[in-house]
């Protein structure tokens, strides 16, 4: 496998700086780093971004996540390893990632369940994390970036 081109953020350093800053903005707003990584992983699985699936799986593993939780992110609805708050966050991640799949892009019941577990700062963090990884997924998919190619 070979990428179609050099990654756009390496060609446009201002984009790298902006995307990195945007992604970091989700930190410290009341949502655990592990939950944010799980959202990144789930959106990346949906979008078929092998670079981000590898990156966020490795980050979760390094943070001490169990294999059971890591392997079950794609099937979180049927796995007993997630809290109600994590489930609400994962549901929101799936819904926001798939906004074109339904007439009501983010149904009230999905929003209400997330809002039951997270305050406005937390909801902002979730949305920033979800939309940030979706940008990276789309850049990687469009340019066919290869998982492992960026590793030292």
C-alpha atoms as a PDB file:
ATOM      1  CA  UNK A   1       0.000   0.000   0.000  1.00  0.00           C
ATOM      2  CA  UNK A   2       1.067   3.508  -0.727  1.00  0.00           C
ATOM      3  CA  UNK A   3      -0.440   6.881   0.103  1.00  0.00           C
ATOM      4  CA  UNK A   4      -1.753   8.925  -2.804  1.00  0.00           C
ATOM      5  CA  UNK A   5       0.187  11.966  -1.655  1.00  0.00           C
ATOM      6  CA  UNK A   6       2.020  13.488   1.262  1.00  0.00           C
ATOM      7  CA  UNK A   7      -0.489  14.112   4.014  1.00  0.00           C
ATOM      8  CA  UNK A   8      -2.048  17.574   3.563  1.00  0.00           C
ATOM      9  CA  UNK A   9      -1.107  18.668   7.098  1.00  0.00           C
ATOM     10  CA  UNK A  10       2.561  18.092   6.271  1.00  0.00           C
ATOM     11  CA  UNK A  11       2.164  20.244   3.166  1.00  0.00           C
ATOM     12  CA  UNK A  12       0.163  22.939   4.962  1.00  0.00           C
ATOM     13  CA  UNK A  13       1.710  23.374   8.432  1.00  0.00           C
ATOM     14  CA  UNK A  14      -0.962  25.903   9.414  1.00  0.00           C
ATOM     15  CA  UNK A  15      -3.556  23.137   9.008  1.00  0.00           C
ATOM     16  CA  UNK A  16      -1.552  20.829  11.280  1.00  0.00           C
ATOM     17  CA  UNK A  17      -1.297  23.556  13.904  1.00  0.00           C
ATOM     18  CA  UNK A  18      -5.009  24.387  13.690  1.00  0.00           C
ATOM     19  CA  UNK A  19      -6.198  20.768  13.787  1.00  0.00           C
ATOM     20  CA  UNK A  20      -3.888  19.924  16.684  1.00  0.00           C
ATOM     21  CA  UNK A  21      -5.130  22.942  18.641  1.00  0.00           C
ATOM     22  CA  UNK A  22      -8.759  22.108  17.874  1.00  0.00           C
ATOM     23  CA  UNK A  23      -8.305  18.520  19.049  1.00  0.00           C
ATOM     24  CA  UNK A  24      -6.555  19.597  22.268  1.00  0.00           C
ATOM     25  CA  UNK A  25      -9.441  21.973  23.020  1.00  0.00           C
ATOM     26  CA  UNK A  26     -11.521  18.958  24.090  1.00  0.00           C
ATOM     27  CA  UNK A  27      -9.118  18.178  26.935  1.00  0.00           C
ATOM     28  CA  UNK A  28      -9.771  19.231  30.507  1.00  0.00           C
ATOM     29  CA  UNK A  29     -13.490  19.847  30.094  1.00  0.00           C
ATOM     30  CA  UNK A  30     -14.742  17.067  32.350  1.00  0.00           C
ATOM     31  CA  UNK A  31     -14.505  14.077  30.010  1.00  0.00           C
ATOM     32  CA  UNK A  32     -11.797  11.522  30.711  1.00  0.00           C
ATOM     33  CA  UNK A  33      -8.946  11.162  28.245  1.00  0.00           C
ATOM     34  CA  UNK A  34      -9.878   7.484  27.878  1.00  0.00           C
ATOM     35  CA  UNK A  35     -13.439   8.327  26.865  1.00  0.00           C
ATOM     36  CA  UNK A  36     -12.201  10.850  24.309  1.00  0.00           C
ATOM     37  CA  UNK A  37      -9.833   8.213  22.885  1.00  0.00           C
ATOM     38  CA  UNK A  38     -12.695   5.690  22.709  1.00  0.00           C
ATOM     39  CA  UNK A  39     -14.726   8.215  20.713  1.00  0.00           C
ATOM     40  CA  UNK A  40     -11.780   8.718  18.372  1.00  0.00           C
ATOM     41  CA  UNK A  41     -11.427   4.981  17.949  1.00  0.00           C
ATOM     42  CA  UNK A  42     -15.143   4.380  17.312  1.00  0.00           C
ATOM     43  CA  UNK A  43     -15.484   7.159  14.740  1.00  0.00           C
ATOM     44  CA  UNK A  44     -12.322   5.916  13.024  1.00  0.00           C
ATOM     45  CA  UNK A  45     -13.711   2.385  12.877  1.00  0.00           C
ATOM     46  CA  UNK A  46     -16.908   3.687  11.281  1.00  0.00           C
ATOM     47  CA  UNK A  47     -14.963   5.765   8.770  1.00  0.00           C
ATOM     48  CA  UNK A  48     -12.517   2.961   7.955  1.00  0.00           C
ATOM     49  CA  UNK A  49      -9.469   5.044   8.854  1.00  0.00           C
ATOM     50  CA  UNK A  50      -6.734   2.491   9.540  1.00  0.00           C
ATOM     51  CA  UNK A  51      -4.228   5.167  10.597  1.00  0.00           C
ATOM     52  CA  UNK A  52      -6.540   6.491  13.313  1.00  0.00           C
ATOM     53  CA  UNK A  53      -7.764   3.049  14.386  1.00  0.00           C
ATOM     54  CA  UNK A  54      -4.142   2.060  14.974  1.00  0.00           C
ATOM     55  CA  UNK A  55      -3.230   5.368  16.642  1.00  0.00           C
ATOM     56  CA  UNK A  56      -6.157   5.451  19.059  1.00  0.00           C
ATOM     57  CA  UNK A  57      -6.026   1.712  19.840  1.00  0.00           C
ATOM     58  CA  UNK A  58      -2.366   2.115  20.753  1.00  0.00           C
ATOM     59  CA  UNK A  59      -3.098   5.208  22.851  1.00  0.00           C
ATOM     60  CA  UNK A  60      -5.823   3.359  24.766  1.00  0.00           C
ATOM     61  CA  UNK A  61      -3.555   0.360  25.312  1.00  0.00           C
ATOM     62  CA  UNK A  62      -0.745   2.631  26.532  1.00  0.00           C
ATOM     63  CA  UNK A  63      -3.213   4.316  28.922  1.00  0.00           C
ATOM     64  CA  UNK A  64      -3.910   0.916  30.470  1.00  0.00           C
ATOM     65  CA  UNK A  65      -7.190  -0.045  28.812  1.00  0.00           C
ATOM     66  CA  UNK A  66      -7.936  -3.748  28.985  1.00  0.00           C
ATOM     67  CA  UNK A  67      -7.979  -5.863  25.861  1.00  0.00           C
ATOM     68  CA  UNK A  68     -11.641  -6.657  26.537  1.00  0.00           C
ATOM     69  CA  UNK A  69     -12.665  -2.985  26.442  1.00  0.00           C
ATOM     70  CA  UNK A  70     -10.375  -2.177  23.533  1.00  0.00           C
ATOM     71  CA  UNK A  71     -11.626  -5.067  21.407  1.00  0.00           C
ATOM     72  CA  UNK A  72     -15.261  -4.351  22.272  1.00  0.00           C
ATOM     73  CA  UNK A  73     -15.401  -0.680  21.251  1.00  0.00           C
ATOM     74  CA  UNK A  74     -16.848  -1.632  17.859  1.00  0.00           C
ATOM     75  CA  UNK A  75     -19.557  -3.681  19.593  1.00  0.00           C
ATOM     76  CA  UNK A  76     -20.077  -1.520  22.688  1.00  0.00           C
ATOM     77  CA  UNK A  77     -23.856  -2.020  22.699  1.00  0.00           C
ATOM     78  CA  UNK A  78     -23.452  -5.756  23.272  1.00  0.00           C
ATOM     79  CA  UNK A  79     -20.484  -5.664  25.654  1.00  0.00           C
ATOM     80  CA  UNK A  80     -20.684  -5.277  29.442  1.00  0.00           C
ATOM     81  CA  UNK A  81     -17.438  -3.294  29.728  1.00  0.00           C
ATOM     82  CA  UNK A  82     -18.736   0.272  29.418  1.00  0.00           C
ATOM     83  CA  UNK A  83     -20.390   2.641  31.868  1.00  0.00           C
ATOM     84  CA  UNK A  84     -23.671   4.363  31.042  1.00  0.00           C
ATOM     85  CA  UNK A  85     -21.769   7.630  30.483  1.00  0.00           C
ATOM     86  CA  UNK A  86     -19.348   5.932  28.070  1.00  0.00           C
ATOM     87  CA  UNK A  87     -22.270   4.341  26.234  1.00  0.00           C
ATOM     88  CA  UNK A  88     -23.944   7.738  25.862  1.00  0.00           C
ATOM     89  CA  UNK A  89     -20.691   9.204  24.537  1.00  0.00           C
ATOM     90  CA  UNK A  90     -20.183   6.343  22.084  1.00  0.00           C
ATOM     91  CA  UNK A  91     -23.777   6.672  20.853  1.00  0.00           C
ATOM     92  CA  UNK A  92     -23.237  10.392  20.309  1.00  0.00           C
ATOM     93  CA  UNK A  93     -19.979   9.660  18.464  1.00  0.00           C
ATOM     94  CA  UNK A  94     -21.704   7.220  16.134  1.00  0.00           C
ATOM     95  CA  UNK A  95     -24.618   9.573  15.521  1.00  0.00           C
ATOM     96  CA  UNK A  96     -22.488  12.657  14.832  1.00  0.00           C
ATOM     97  CA  UNK A  97     -20.153  10.633  12.607  1.00  0.00           C
ATOM     98  CA  UNK A  98     -23.130   9.378  10.573  1.00  0.00           C
ATOM     99  CA  UNK A  99     -25.132  12.611  10.292  1.00  0.00           C
ATOM    100  CA  UNK A 100     -26.251  11.813   6.735  1.00  0.00           C
ATOM    101  CA  UNK A 101     -27.744   8.443   7.674  1.00  0.00           C
ATOM    102  CA  UNK A 102     -31.050   9.760   9.052  1.00  0.00           C
ATOM    103  CA  UNK A 103     -33.492  12.614   8.650  1.00  0.00           C
ATOM    104  CA  UNK A 104     -32.810  13.869  12.171  1.00  0.00           C
ATOM    105  CA  UNK A 105     -29.001  13.856  12.291  1.00  0.00           C
ATOM    106  CA  UNK A 106     -28.801  13.826  16.117  1.00  0.00           C
ATOM    107  CA  UNK A 107     -32.106  12.592  17.573  1.00  0.00           C
ATOM    108  CA  UNK A 108     -33.353  14.167  20.791  1.00  0.00           C
ATOM    109  CA  UNK A 109     -33.095  10.891  22.688  1.00  0.00           C
ATOM    110  CA  UNK A 110     -29.389  10.512  21.822  1.00  0.00           C
ATOM    111  CA  UNK A 111     -28.731  14.106  22.873  1.00  0.00           C
ATOM    112  CA  UNK A 112     -30.764  13.762  26.074  1.00  0.00           C
ATOM    113  CA  UNK A 113     -28.891  10.634  27.137  1.00  0.00           C
ATOM    114  CA  UNK A 114     -25.532  12.346  26.587  1.00  0.00           C
ATOM    115  CA  UNK A 115     -26.777  15.441  28.443  1.00  0.00           C
ATOM    116  CA  UNK A 116     -27.846  13.225  31.345  1.00  0.00           C
ATOM    117  CA  UNK A 117     -24.177  12.271  31.876  1.00  0.00           C
ATOM    118  CA  UNK A 118     -22.299  15.374  30.743  1.00  0.00           C
ATOM    119  CA  UNK A 119     -22.736  19.085  31.435  1.00  0.00           C
ATOM    120  CA  UNK A 120     -22.398  21.664  28.652  1.00  0.00           C
ATOM    121  CA  UNK A 121     -18.592  21.733  28.970  1.00  0.00           C
ATOM    122  CA  UNK A 122     -18.532  17.955  28.705  1.00  0.00           C
ATOM    123  CA  UNK A 123     -20.882  17.967  25.735  1.00  0.00           C
ATOM    124  CA  UNK A 124     -18.652  20.563  24.069  1.00  0.00           C
ATOM    125  CA  UNK A 125     -15.642  18.310  24.690  1.00  0.00           C
ATOM    126  CA  UNK A 126     -17.444  15.318  23.187  1.00  0.00           C
ATOM    127  CA  UNK A 127     -18.478  17.249  20.089  1.00  0.00           C
ATOM    128  CA  UNK A 128     -15.021  18.722  19.559  1.00  0.00           C
ATOM    129  CA  UNK A 129     -13.406  15.296  19.957  1.00  0.00           C
ATOM    130  CA  UNK A 130     -15.870  13.653  17.568  1.00  0.00           C
ATOM    131  CA  UNK A 131     -15.651  16.313  14.879  1.00  0.00           C
ATOM    132  CA  UNK A 132     -11.880  16.578  15.201  1.00  0.00           C
ATOM    133  CA  UNK A 133     -11.280  12.889  14.553  1.00  0.00           C
ATOM    134  CA  UNK A 134     -13.759  12.960  11.662  1.00  0.00           C
ATOM    135  CA  UNK A 135     -11.627  15.608   9.938  1.00  0.00           C
ATOM    136  CA  UNK A 136      -8.518  13.462  10.385  1.00  0.00           C
ATOM    137  CA  UNK A 137     -10.396  10.372   9.160  1.00  0.00           C
ATOM    138  CA  UNK A 138     -11.493  12.131   5.996  1.00  0.00           C
ATOM    139  CA  UNK A 139      -8.050  13.529   5.236  1.00  0.00           C
ATOM    140  CA  UNK A 140      -6.491  10.096   5.765  1.00  0.00           C
ATOM    141  CA  UNK A 141      -9.131   8.260   3.731  1.00  0.00           C
ATOM    142  CA  UNK A 142      -9.023  10.710   0.828  1.00  0.00           C
ATOM    143  CA  UNK A 143      -5.252  10.479   0.554  1.00  0.00           C
ATOM    144  CA  UNK A 144      -5.124   6.746   1.422  1.00  0.00           C
ATOM    145  CA  UNK A 145      -2.695   7.158   4.281  1.00  0.00           C
ATOM    146  CA  UNK A 146      -1.229   3.842   5.387  1.00  0.00           C
ATOM    147  CA  UNK A 147      -1.432   2.569   8.968  1.00  0.00           C
ATOM    148  CA  UNK A 148       2.024   2.224  10.464  1.00  0.00           C
ATOM    149  CA  UNK A 149       3.688   4.423   7.855  1.00  0.00           C
ATOM    150  CA  UNK A 150       4.131   7.271  10.344  1.00  0.00           C
ATOM    151  CA  UNK A 151       5.581   5.077  13.097  1.00  0.00           C
ATOM    152  CA  UNK A 152       9.300   5.400  13.792  1.00  0.00           C
END
